[in-house]
Amino acid sequence: MKIGIMGGTFDPIHIGHLLAGEAARDAYGLDQVWFMPSHIPPHKHQAGASGKERLEMTSEAVAGHPAFEVLDIEVLRGGVSYTIDTIKELQELHSAVDFYFIIGADMVNYLPHWQGIEELAQRICFIGVRRPGFQLAMDELPHYLQDKVLLADMPVVDISSTDIRERAAEGRTIRYLVPDRVHDYITRGGLYEVQP
């Protein structure tokens, strides 16, 4: 079985995340994609919404897709979320699964800075999801990563969670930037200063 792990803060999850997961699934025949909100990502500030809220928003976002699931392992573990710890735990729990880690292609060149990256590259492959026209210098990656990074194309969707939070704080609409069920969740809970 081939499973892609789509990690992120998901604060909030938006349609760009879903399109990236679907592009990776389609390009490499993944049986499932597990969307995994991090607790505290190593390279970002702590999320604004709680882990529970981000898990619930992610569940709302993937509802109805037969191959999309939510993984709560990092939120439940707490602390800083290092991918190497998560992959070790997942491989112990699911020894027959081939895991792939899905990232934005713009993060591929940052991979050498990830905690435990050499061991991680021995355990999994990465799928870098790129927008049309994005150029990536694969030969600039360390040799241990060059054959461990696959690429998948996705449509141009210039959306970020930061932009969505800023729009919400300014009283601007975020409808259609996030799935309808996520929009309803945010509105009901008054997250990101969105008014019902």
Foldseek 3Di string as FASTA:
>chain_A
DEEEEEEDQCLPPFVVSVQQQVQVCVVPVGQAYEYEHAQQEPVDGGRPDHLVLNQVLLCLQCPPPPRYHYDHVRNVVDDYDAVVVVLVVVCVVPVPYAYEYEDALVCVVVLVVGPPSLVVLVRHAYEHEYEPPDDDDLVVDPPSRSVRYHYTYGYDDPDDSVVLLVCQLVQHDCPNRHPPSSVVSCQVVCPSVHDD
